[in-house]
C-alpha atoms as a PDB file:
ATOM      1  CA  UNK A   1       0.000   0.000   0.000  1.00  0.00           C
ATOM      2  CA  UNK A   2       1.039   3.443  -0.833  1.00  0.00           C
ATOM      3  CA  UNK A   3       0.855   5.950   1.901  1.00  0.00           C
ATOM      4  CA  UNK A   4      -1.034   9.166   1.101  1.00  0.00           C
ATOM      5  CA  UNK A   5       1.317  11.988   1.423  1.00  0.00           C
ATOM      6  CA  UNK A   6      -0.109  15.219   2.922  1.00  0.00           C
ATOM      7  CA  UNK A   7       1.316  18.012   0.974  1.00  0.00           C
ATOM      8  CA  UNK A   8       3.105  20.398   3.161  1.00  0.00           C
ATOM      9  CA  UNK A   9       2.218  23.973   2.694  1.00  0.00           C
ATOM     10  CA  UNK A  10       5.027  26.362   2.572  1.00  0.00           C
ATOM     11  CA  UNK A  11       4.930  28.775   5.400  1.00  0.00           C
ATOM     12  CA  UNK A  12       5.926  31.578   3.137  1.00  0.00           C
ATOM     13  CA  UNK A  13       2.890  31.019   0.898  1.00  0.00           C
ATOM     14  CA  UNK A  14       0.536  31.005   3.887  1.00  0.00           C
ATOM     15  CA  UNK A  15       1.973  34.159   5.178  1.00  0.00           C
ATOM     16  CA  UNK A  16       1.733  35.868   1.819  1.00  0.00           C
ATOM     17  CA  UNK A  17      -1.946  35.148   1.172  1.00  0.00           C
ATOM     18  CA  UNK A  18      -3.458  37.336   3.850  1.00  0.00           C
ATOM     19  CA  UNK A  19      -1.276  40.187   2.730  1.00  0.00           C
ATOM     20  CA  UNK A  20      -2.428  39.990  -0.860  1.00  0.00           C
ATOM     21  CA  UNK A  21      -6.052  39.714   0.242  1.00  0.00           C
ATOM     22  CA  UNK A  22      -5.705  42.795   2.405  1.00  0.00           C
ATOM     23  CA  UNK A  23      -4.130  44.642  -0.447  1.00  0.00           C
ATOM     24  CA  UNK A  24      -7.041  43.759  -2.746  1.00  0.00           C
ATOM     25  CA  UNK A  25      -9.593  44.762  -0.121  1.00  0.00           C
ATOM     26  CA  UNK A  26      -7.762  48.013   0.479  1.00  0.00           C
ATOM     27  CA  UNK A  27      -7.878  48.823  -3.200  1.00  0.00           C
ATOM     28  CA  UNK A  28     -11.679  48.608  -3.206  1.00  0.00           C
ATOM     29  CA  UNK A  29     -12.225  50.728  -0.040  1.00  0.00           C
ATOM     30  CA  UNK A  30     -10.973  54.354  -0.233  1.00  0.00           C
ATOM     31  CA  UNK A  31     -11.359  56.749   2.675  1.00  0.00           C
ATOM     32  CA  UNK A  32     -12.294  60.426   1.940  1.00  0.00           C
ATOM     33  CA  UNK A  33     -11.198  63.264   4.253  1.00  0.00           C
ATOM     34  CA  UNK A  34     -13.564  66.157   4.831  1.00  0.00           C
ATOM     35  CA  UNK A  35     -12.045  69.226   6.535  1.00  0.00           C
ATOM     36  CA  UNK A  36     -14.044  70.631   9.430  1.00  0.00           C
ATOM     37  CA  UNK A  37     -16.189  73.742   8.665  1.00  0.00           C
ATOM     38  CA  UNK A  38     -16.474  75.119  12.163  1.00  0.00           C
ATOM     39  CA  UNK A  39     -13.646  77.653  11.720  1.00  0.00           C
ATOM     40  CA  UNK A  40     -15.135  79.330   8.600  1.00  0.00           C
ATOM     41  CA  UNK A  41     -18.593  79.617  10.111  1.00  0.00           C
ATOM     42  CA  UNK A  42     -17.216  81.077  13.328  1.00  0.00           C
ATOM     43  CA  UNK A  43     -15.170  83.703  11.405  1.00  0.00           C
ATOM     44  CA  UNK A  44     -18.223  84.843   9.392  1.00  0.00           C
ATOM     45  CA  UNK A  45     -20.264  85.083  12.560  1.00  0.00           C
ATOM     46  CA  UNK A  46     -17.579  87.196  14.230  1.00  0.00           C
ATOM     47  CA  UNK A  47     -17.431  89.488  11.143  1.00  0.00           C
ATOM     48  CA  UNK A  48     -21.176  90.054  11.277  1.00  0.00           C
ATOM     49  CA  UNK A  49     -20.897  90.760  14.962  1.00  0.00           C
ATOM     50  CA  UNK A  50     -18.199  93.384  14.373  1.00  0.00           C
ATOM     51  CA  UNK A  51     -20.300  95.095  11.669  1.00  0.00           C
ATOM     52  CA  UNK A  52     -23.299  95.187  13.989  1.00  0.00           C
ATOM     53  CA  UNK A  53     -21.202  96.706  16.784  1.00  0.00           C
ATOM     54  CA  UNK A  54     -19.795  99.400  14.469  1.00  0.00           C
ATOM     55  CA  UNK A  55     -23.275 100.280  13.224  1.00  0.00           C
ATOM     56  CA  UNK A  56     -24.568 100.638  16.771  1.00  0.00           C
ATOM     57  CA  UNK A  57     -21.547 102.752  17.715  1.00  0.00           C
ATOM     58  CA  UNK A  58     -21.966 105.169  14.799  1.00  0.00           C
ATOM     59  CA  UNK A  59     -25.711 105.401  15.444  1.00  0.00           C
ATOM     60  CA  UNK A  60     -25.074 106.261  19.078  1.00  0.00           C
ATOM     61  CA  UNK A  61     -22.508 108.921  18.160  1.00  0.00           C
ATOM     62  CA  UNK A  62     -24.868 110.472  15.601  1.00  0.00           C
ATOM     63  CA  UNK A  63     -27.692 110.626  18.136  1.00  0.00           C
ATOM     64  CA  UNK A  64     -25.335 112.099  20.720  1.00  0.00           C
ATOM     65  CA  UNK A  65     -24.168 114.858  18.357  1.00  0.00           C
ATOM     66  CA  UNK A  66     -27.760 115.625  17.389  1.00  0.00           C
ATOM     67  CA  UNK A  67     -28.777 115.867  21.050  1.00  0.00           C
ATOM     68  CA  UNK A  68     -25.879 118.250  21.788  1.00  0.00           C
ATOM     69  CA  UNK A  69     -26.823 120.476  18.849  1.00  0.00           C
ATOM     70  CA  UNK A  70     -30.463 120.572  19.962  1.00  0.00           C
ATOM     71  CA  UNK A  71     -29.451 121.517  23.506  1.00  0.00           C
ATOM     72  CA  UNK A  72     -27.216 124.321  22.217  1.00  0.00           C
ATOM     73  CA  UNK A  73     -29.924 125.622  19.875  1.00  0.00           C
ATOM     74  CA  UNK A  74     -32.487 125.634  22.662  1.00  0.00           C
ATOM     75  CA  UNK A  75     -30.056 127.440  24.956  1.00  0.00           C
ATOM     76  CA  UNK A  76     -29.038 130.049  22.380  1.00  0.00           C
ATOM     77  CA  UNK A  77     -32.529 130.541  20.831  1.00  0.00           C
ATOM     78  CA  UNK A  78     -31.252 131.996  17.536  1.00  0.00           C
ATOM     79  CA  UNK A  79     -33.232 134.753  15.843  1.00  0.00           C
ATOM     80  CA  UNK A  80     -33.293 135.578  12.162  1.00  0.00           C
ATOM     81  CA  UNK A  81     -31.022 138.530  11.338  1.00  0.00           C
ATOM     82  CA  UNK A  82     -32.329 141.936  10.287  1.00  0.00           C
ATOM     83  CA  UNK A  83     -31.031 143.440   7.061  1.00  0.00           C
ATOM     84  CA  UNK A  84     -32.588 146.693   5.872  1.00  0.00           C
ATOM     85  CA  UNK A  85     -31.926 149.432   3.340  1.00  0.00           C
ATOM     86  CA  UNK A  86     -31.174 152.434   5.517  1.00  0.00           C
ATOM     87  CA  UNK A  87     -30.275 155.202   3.064  1.00  0.00           C
ATOM     88  CA  UNK A  88     -30.294 155.778  -0.698  1.00  0.00           C
ATOM     89  CA  UNK A  89     -28.349 158.576  -2.323  1.00  0.00           C
ATOM     90  CA  UNK A  90     -28.721 159.628  -5.940  1.00  0.00           C
ATOM     91  CA  UNK A  91     -25.417 160.627  -7.508  1.00  0.00           C
ATOM     92  CA  UNK A  92     -26.749 160.935 -11.040  1.00  0.00           C
ATOM     93  CA  UNK A  93     -29.917 160.198 -12.984  1.00  0.00           C
ATOM     94  CA  UNK A  94     -30.439 161.002 -16.649  1.00  0.00           C
ATOM     95  CA  UNK A  95     -33.225 160.100 -19.079  1.00  0.00           C
ATOM     96  CA  UNK A  96     -32.965 160.833 -22.780  1.00  0.00           C
ATOM     97  CA  UNK A  97     -35.197 159.761 -25.687  1.00  0.00           C
ATOM     98  CA  UNK A  98     -33.222 157.912 -28.345  1.00  0.00           C
ATOM     99  CA  UNK A  99     -36.005 157.281 -30.875  1.00  0.00           C
ATOM    100  CA  UNK A 100     -39.729 158.088 -30.897  1.00  0.00           C
ATOM    101  CA  UNK A 101     -40.379 154.685 -29.358  1.00  0.00           C
ATOM    102  CA  UNK A 102     -37.380 154.230 -27.028  1.00  0.00           C
ATOM    103  CA  UNK A 103     -35.502 155.980 -24.264  1.00  0.00           C
ATOM    104  CA  UNK A 104     -32.213 155.489 -22.455  1.00  0.00           C
ATOM    105  CA  UNK A 105     -31.740 155.788 -18.708  1.00  0.00           C
ATOM    106  CA  UNK A 106     -28.462 156.345 -16.869  1.00  0.00           C
ATOM    107  CA  UNK A 107     -28.364 156.045 -13.122  1.00  0.00           C
ATOM    108  CA  UNK A 108     -25.849 155.997 -10.271  1.00  0.00           C
ATOM    109  CA  UNK A 109     -27.192 155.452  -6.775  1.00  0.00           C
ATOM    110  CA  UNK A 110     -25.467 154.702  -3.477  1.00  0.00           C
ATOM    111  CA  UNK A 111     -27.219 152.366  -1.024  1.00  0.00           C
ATOM    112  CA  UNK A 112     -26.435 151.955   2.664  1.00  0.00           C
ATOM    113  CA  UNK A 113     -27.689 148.813   4.428  1.00  0.00           C
ATOM    114  CA  UNK A 114     -27.889 148.110   8.144  1.00  0.00           C
ATOM    115  CA  UNK A 115     -27.381 144.590   9.542  1.00  0.00           C
ATOM    116  CA  UNK A 116     -28.609 143.968  13.087  1.00  0.00           C
ATOM    117  CA  UNK A 117     -27.615 140.836  15.002  1.00  0.00           C
ATOM    118  CA  UNK A 118     -29.517 140.366  18.268  1.00  0.00           C
ATOM    119  CA  UNK A 119     -28.281 136.806  18.782  1.00  0.00           C
ATOM    120  CA  UNK A 120     -25.874 135.511  21.411  1.00  0.00           C
ATOM    121  CA  UNK A 121     -23.654 134.123  18.647  1.00  0.00           C
ATOM    122  CA  UNK A 122     -22.059 135.536  15.508  1.00  0.00           C
ATOM    123  CA  UNK A 123     -23.526 135.482  11.990  1.00  0.00           C
ATOM    124  CA  UNK A 124     -21.625 134.866   8.781  1.00  0.00           C
ATOM    125  CA  UNK A 125     -23.093 136.572   5.706  1.00  0.00           C
ATOM    126  CA  UNK A 126     -22.364 135.418   2.191  1.00  0.00           C
ATOM    127  CA  UNK A 127     -21.997 137.707  -0.807  1.00  0.00           C
ATOM    128  CA  UNK A 128     -25.281 139.456  -1.584  1.00  0.00           C
ATOM    129  CA  UNK A 129     -26.614 140.896  -4.832  1.00  0.00           C
ATOM    130  CA  UNK A 130     -29.252 143.616  -5.155  1.00  0.00           C
ATOM    131  CA  UNK A 131     -31.092 144.401  -8.375  1.00  0.00           C
ATOM    132  CA  UNK A 132     -32.563 147.801  -9.254  1.00  0.00           C
ATOM    133  CA  UNK A 133     -35.648 147.557 -11.494  1.00  0.00           C
ATOM    134  CA  UNK A 134     -38.062 149.891 -13.214  1.00  0.00           C
ATOM    135  CA  UNK A 135     -41.523 148.396 -13.678  1.00  0.00           C
ATOM    136  CA  UNK A 136     -40.067 144.900 -13.482  1.00  0.00           C
ATOM    137  CA  UNK A 137     -37.211 145.607 -15.938  1.00  0.00           C
ATOM    138  CA  UNK A 138     -33.704 145.085 -14.428  1.00  0.00           C
ATOM    139  CA  UNK A 139     -31.537 148.184 -14.815  1.00  0.00           C
ATOM    140  CA  UNK A 140     -28.444 147.373 -12.755  1.00  0.00           C
ATOM    141  CA  UNK A 141     -27.061 145.327  -9.904  1.00  0.00           C
ATOM    142  CA  UNK A 142     -25.111 146.088  -6.744  1.00  0.00           C
ATOM    143  CA  UNK A 143     -22.937 143.622  -4.811  1.00  0.00           C
ATOM    144  CA  UNK A 144     -22.228 143.525  -1.081  1.00  0.00           C
ATOM    145  CA  UNK A 145     -19.209 141.352  -0.155  1.00  0.00           C
ATOM    146  CA  UNK A 146     -19.601 138.680   2.498  1.00  0.00           C
ATOM    147  CA  UNK A 147     -18.696 139.534   6.085  1.00  0.00           C
ATOM    148  CA  UNK A 148     -18.854 138.227   9.647  1.00  0.00           C
ATOM    149  CA  UNK A 149     -20.920 140.016  12.282  1.00  0.00           C
ATOM    150  CA  UNK A 150     -20.295 139.423  16.002  1.00  0.00           C
ATOM    151  CA  UNK A 151     -23.070 138.852  18.507  1.00  0.00           C
ATOM    152  CA  UNK A 152     -25.185 141.801  19.708  1.00  0.00           C
ATOM    153  CA  UNK A 153     -23.838 144.231  17.119  1.00  0.00           C
ATOM    154  CA  UNK A 154     -24.962 146.574  14.359  1.00  0.00           C
ATOM    155  CA  UNK A 155     -23.015 146.880  11.142  1.00  0.00           C
ATOM    156  CA  UNK A 156     -23.436 149.114   8.114  1.00  0.00           C
ATOM    157  CA  UNK A 157     -22.553 147.945   4.608  1.00  0.00           C
ATOM    158  CA  UNK A 158     -22.830 149.838   1.346  1.00  0.00           C
ATOM    159  CA  UNK A 159     -22.870 149.342  -2.396  1.00  0.00           C
ATOM    160  CA  UNK A 160     -23.172 151.445  -5.534  1.00  0.00           C
ATOM    161  CA  UNK A 161     -25.332 150.651  -8.545  1.00  0.00           C
ATOM    162  CA  UNK A 162     -24.324 152.174 -11.875  1.00  0.00           C
ATOM    163  CA  UNK A 163     -26.616 152.073 -14.912  1.00  0.00           C
ATOM    164  CA  UNK A 164     -25.136 153.250 -18.203  1.00  0.00           C
ATOM    165  CA  UNK A 165     -27.685 154.084 -20.922  1.00  0.00           C
ATOM    166  CA  UNK A 166     -30.040 151.151 -20.606  1.00  0.00           C
ATOM    167  CA  UNK A 167     -32.605 151.278 -23.419  1.00  0.00           C
ATOM    168  CA  UNK A 168     -36.308 150.957 -22.723  1.00  0.00           C
ATOM    169  CA  UNK A 169     -38.701 150.356 -25.581  1.00  0.00           C
ATOM    170  CA  UNK A 170     -42.235 151.471 -26.418  1.00  0.00           C
ATOM    171  CA  UNK A 171     -44.573 151.494 -23.411  1.00  0.00           C
ATOM    172  CA  UNK A 172     -41.813 151.352 -20.793  1.00  0.00           C
ATOM    173  CA  UNK A 173     -39.990 154.235 -22.466  1.00  0.00           C
ATOM    174  CA  UNK A 174     -43.179 156.327 -22.637  1.00  0.00           C
ATOM    175  CA  UNK A 175     -43.901 155.668 -18.964  1.00  0.00           C
ATOM    176  CA  UNK A 176     -40.359 156.588 -17.945  1.00  0.00           C
ATOM    177  CA  UNK A 177     -40.441 159.884 -19.887  1.00  0.00           C
ATOM    178  CA  UNK A 178     -43.866 160.752 -18.470  1.00  0.00           C
ATOM    179  CA  UNK A 179     -42.800 159.928 -14.894  1.00  0.00           C
ATOM    180  CA  UNK A 180     -39.623 161.985 -15.205  1.00  0.00           C
ATOM    181  CA  UNK A 181     -40.912 165.036 -17.108  1.00  0.00           C
ATOM    182  CA  UNK A 182     -44.478 165.389 -15.898  1.00  0.00           C
ATOM    183  CA  UNK A 183     -44.527 163.821 -12.428  1.00  0.00           C
ATOM    184  CA  UNK A 184     -40.858 164.372 -11.492  1.00  0.00           C
ATOM    185  CA  UNK A 185     -41.106 161.008  -9.765  1.00  0.00           C
ATOM    186  CA  UNK A 186     -39.502 157.773 -10.956  1.00  0.00           C
ATOM    187  CA  UNK A 187     -40.198 154.718  -8.806  1.00  0.00           C
ATOM    188  CA  UNK A 188     -37.532 152.044  -8.667  1.00  0.00           C
ATOM    189  CA  UNK A 189     -37.603 148.722  -6.909  1.00  0.00           C
ATOM    190  CA  UNK A 190     -34.607 147.237  -5.069  1.00  0.00           C
ATOM    191  CA  UNK A 191     -34.667 143.481  -4.495  1.00  0.00           C
ATOM    192  CA  UNK A 192     -32.080 141.128  -3.068  1.00  0.00           C
ATOM    193  CA  UNK A 193     -31.475 138.048  -0.972  1.00  0.00           C
ATOM    194  CA  UNK A 194     -28.885 137.783   1.775  1.00  0.00           C
ATOM    195  CA  UNK A 195     -27.551 134.397   2.844  1.00  0.00           C
ATOM    196  CA  UNK A 196     -26.713 134.147   6.552  1.00  0.00           C
ATOM    197  CA  UNK A 197     -25.424 131.313   8.750  1.00  0.00           C
ATOM    198  CA  UNK A 198     -25.168 131.218  12.528  1.00  0.00           C
ATOM    199  CA  UNK A 199     -21.880 129.986  13.989  1.00  0.00           C
ATOM    200  CA  UNK A 200     -22.032 128.102  17.316  1.00  0.00           C
ATOM    201  CA  UNK A 201     -18.839 126.715  18.885  1.00  0.00           C
ATOM    202  CA  UNK A 202     -17.150 126.513  15.516  1.00  0.00           C
ATOM    203  CA  UNK A 203     -20.135 124.818  13.864  1.00  0.00           C
ATOM    204  CA  UNK A 204     -22.113 126.529  11.112  1.00  0.00           C
ATOM    205  CA  UNK A 205     -25.888 126.206  11.059  1.00  0.00           C
ATOM    206  CA  UNK A 206     -27.994 125.700   7.911  1.00  0.00           C
ATOM    207  CA  UNK A 207     -28.412 128.832   5.825  1.00  0.00           C
ATOM    208  CA  UNK A 208     -31.107 131.443   6.358  1.00  0.00           C
ATOM    209  CA  UNK A 209     -32.259 133.627   3.467  1.00  0.00           C
ATOM    210  CA  UNK A 210     -33.266 137.202   4.299  1.00  0.00           C
ATOM    211  CA  UNK A 211     -35.167 138.909   1.476  1.00  0.00           C
ATOM    212  CA  UNK A 212     -34.991 142.684   1.006  1.00  0.00           C
ATOM    213  CA  UNK A 213     -37.700 144.409  -1.035  1.00  0.00           C
ATOM    214  CA  UNK A 214     -37.697 148.204  -1.204  1.00  0.00           C
ATOM    215  CA  UNK A 215     -39.476 150.778  -3.317  1.00  0.00           C
ATOM    216  CA  UNK A 216     -37.772 154.136  -3.744  1.00  0.00           C
ATOM    217  CA  UNK A 217     -38.978 157.264  -5.531  1.00  0.00           C
ATOM    218  CA  UNK A 218     -36.405 159.531  -7.176  1.00  0.00           C
ATOM    219  CA  UNK A 219     -36.865 163.128  -8.330  1.00  0.00           C
ATOM    220  CA  UNK A 220     -34.835 163.631 -11.538  1.00  0.00           C
ATOM    221  CA  UNK A 221     -34.943 167.420 -11.106  1.00  0.00           C
ATOM    222  CA  UNK A 222     -33.700 167.396  -7.525  1.00  0.00           C
ATOM    223  CA  UNK A 223     -31.426 164.376  -8.088  1.00  0.00           C
ATOM    224  CA  UNK A 224     -32.601 163.038  -4.747  1.00  0.00           C
ATOM    225  CA  UNK A 225     -34.724 160.332  -3.162  1.00  0.00           C
ATOM    226  CA  UNK A 226     -38.138 161.636  -2.146  1.00  0.00           C
ATOM    227  CA  UNK A 227     -39.537 158.496  -0.490  1.00  0.00           C
ATOM    228  CA  UNK A 228     -38.478 155.005   0.559  1.00  0.00           C
ATOM    229  CA  UNK A 229     -40.516 152.031   1.722  1.00  0.00           C
ATOM    230  CA  UNK A 230     -38.854 148.738   2.631  1.00  0.00           C
ATOM    231  CA  UNK A 231     -39.703 145.366   3.984  1.00  0.00           C
ATOM    232  CA  UNK A 232     -37.738 142.217   4.703  1.00  0.00           C
ATOM    233  CA  UNK A 233     -38.612 138.633   5.405  1.00  0.00           C
ATOM    234  CA  UNK A 234     -36.620 135.684   6.690  1.00  0.00           C
ATOM    235  CA  UNK A 235     -36.963 132.159   5.350  1.00  0.00           C
ATOM    236  CA  UNK A 236     -35.145 129.182   6.833  1.00  0.00           C
ATOM    237  CA  UNK A 237     -33.627 126.773   4.344  1.00  0.00           C
END
């Protein structure tokens, strides 16, 4: 009888099989790595928090400044300034017909204005322009430079308006010749707006417009002003 021989398995082959199996299994199973997202979400939340804090801070500062300004305004109680045409002097006035239907007027007048500031703070005036008109027709313009007026003070400013042979046609020319020759009374209108701002602790308030509207009557024969009627009005802007 032949004895059945049990084949001996090489130890090296047995040891190599599990390794190859593990390698095959590892090739089929891949592990993915996902980075954590907690850091990005926390940074965006902190950014929003900083923006919210800055907004609240600026809002608080704005409300604080507004409250301080209101307290100062209530304590000072600012009044609108007074600006009036005090005197008008006629240096020259001449009217001459140029054609049967037109006439030329030449005029030089000197105007003295009075600015009254009854406030506890100073007022800064901007440059002002005054227009001299005859029956709604502009003849000339005078300019008063800007100036600063201290509190509780009165200041006088002046300007000169020169009109050099301005032509008036048809009806306006006839009216001017009739007023000058027959009535010896030529009515002119002086209009202007003065911009003023109140200064409190270095801060400048919103502008206030003071309107000047005057009617003056001039005698061409006497070369003088015979009457003057003025009014002014203040309008906050």
